[in-house]
Amino acid sequence: MGTSVRPRLSVYRSNKYIYAQLIDDFAGHTLASASSLEDGVTGETPTEESHSVGELLADRAQDEGVDKAVFDRSGYKYHGRVEALAEGAREGGLEL
């Protein structure tokens, strides 16, 4: 469960793309989101793109005043693209 102080970082991974949202479950609001479909995302491989998505999400979270989050991997294994997204968010300044 995510709160306004520590929202939930939810990950959705398809075969081609990856999406991430910071969600305040009590208020029912999405505070920030990022996906590999956006223009600011770079990387030659899907793993590098996922890392870039994590950094972009962390940057948007800091604009909203969020510096901590609860990581929700949505049942995916913590491996590959999901792990790269989490590492990118950590490097961007989010505490997971």
Protein backbone atom coordinates (compact mmCIF):
# COMPACT_ATOMS: atom_id res chain seq x y z
CA MET A 1 0.00 0.00 0.00
CA GLY A 2 1.26 3.41 -0.90
CA THR A 3 0.65 6.63 1.02
CA SER A 4 1.22 10.26 0.10
CA VAL A 5 4.48 10.20 2.07
CA ARG A 6 5.70 6.89 0.62
CA PRO A 7 3.76 6.04 -2.56
CA ARG A 8 3.79 2.67 -4.32
CA LEU A 9 6.03 2.36 -7.38
CA SER A 10 4.03 0.00 -9.56
CA VAL A 11 5.63 -1.67 -12.60
CA TYR A 12 3.94 -3.09 -15.68
CA ARG A 13 6.07 -4.92 -18.23
CA SER A 14 4.88 -5.96 -21.68
CA ASN A 15 6.91 -7.76 -24.32
CA LYS A 16 8.11 -4.48 -25.87
CA TYR A 17 7.64 -1.71 -23.30
CA ILE A 18 7.77 -1.00 -19.57
CA TYR A 19 5.60 1.38 -17.56
CA ALA A 20 5.96 2.70 -14.00
CA GLN A 21 3.67 4.76 -11.77
CA LEU A 22 3.90 6.29 -8.32
CA ILE A 23 0.50 5.72 -6.73
CA ASP A 24 -1.03 7.07 -3.51
CA ASP A 25 -3.46 4.25 -2.70
CA PHE A 26 -5.29 6.08 0.08
CA ALA A 27 -6.18 9.06 -2.11
CA GLY A 28 -6.45 6.98 -5.28
CA HIS A 29 -4.15 9.27 -7.27
CA THR A 30 -1.19 8.71 -9.55
CA LEU A 31 1.53 11.15 -8.52
CA ALA A 32 3.96 10.52 -11.39
CA SER A 33 4.41 8.10 -14.25
CA ALA A 34 6.92 7.18 -16.95
CA SER A 35 7.15 4.66 -19.76
CA SER A 36 9.56 3.48 -22.41
CA LEU A 37 7.29 5.04 -25.07
CA GLU A 38 8.28 8.59 -24.08
CA ASP A 39 10.77 10.77 -25.95
CA GLY A 40 13.14 11.29 -22.99
CA VAL A 41 13.89 7.57 -22.71
CA THR A 42 17.16 6.38 -24.23
CA GLY A 43 18.87 3.03 -24.53
CA GLU A 44 19.77 0.51 -27.17
CA THR A 45 18.46 -2.54 -25.32
CA PRO A 46 15.19 -2.98 -23.40
CA THR A 47 17.18 -3.22 -20.15
CA GLU A 48 18.89 0.13 -20.80
CA GLU A 49 15.51 1.67 -21.64
CA SER A 50 14.10 0.36 -18.36
CA HIS A 51 16.97 1.94 -16.45
CA SER A 52 16.24 5.24 -18.19
CA VAL A 53 12.53 4.96 -17.31
CA GLY A 54 13.48 4.53 -13.64
CA GLU A 55 15.66 7.63 -13.73
CA LEU A 56 12.92 9.63 -15.46
CA LEU A 57 10.35 8.53 -12.89
CA ALA A 58 12.68 9.46 -10.03
CA ASP A 59 13.15 12.92 -11.55
CA ARG A 60 9.39 13.42 -11.82
CA ALA A 61 8.92 12.14 -8.27
CA GLN A 62 11.35 14.72 -6.95
CA ASP A 63 9.36 17.42 -8.75
CA GLU A 64 6.33 16.22 -6.76
CA GLY A 65 8.31 16.24 -3.50
CA VAL A 66 8.55 12.45 -3.18
CA ASP A 67 11.89 10.92 -2.16
CA LYS A 68 10.77 7.50 -0.81
CA ALA A 69 8.61 4.79 -2.36
CA VAL A 70 7.49 1.21 -1.85
CA PHE A 71 8.49 -1.00 -4.78
CA ASP A 72 5.67 -3.12 -6.23
CA ARG A 73 7.03 -5.48 -8.88
CA SER A 74 3.49 -6.68 -9.70
CA GLY A 75 4.40 -10.35 -9.54
CA TYR A 76 7.30 -10.08 -11.99
CA LYS A 77 10.62 -11.55 -10.94
CA TYR A 78 13.13 -9.02 -9.68
CA HIS A 79 15.38 -9.65 -12.65
CA GLY A 80 16.28 -8.02 -15.96
CA ARG A 81 14.12 -5.05 -16.92
CA VAL A 82 12.29 -4.84 -13.59
CA GLU A 83 15.59 -4.79 -11.70
CA ALA A 84 17.01 -2.18 -14.11
CA LEU A 85 14.01 0.09 -13.54
CA ALA A 86 14.44 -0.14 -9.76
CA GLU A 87 18.18 0.57 -10.01
CA GLY A 88 17.51 3.56 -12.27
CA ALA A 89 14.99 4.94 -9.78
CA ARG A 90 17.51 4.53 -6.97
CA GLU A 91 20.23 6.26 -8.98
CA GLY A 92 17.76 9.04 -9.77
CA GLY A 93 17.27 9.72 -6.06
CA LEU A 94 14.32 7.59 -4.95
CA GLU A 95 14.74 5.49 -1.84
CA LEU A 96 13.13 2.08 -2.39
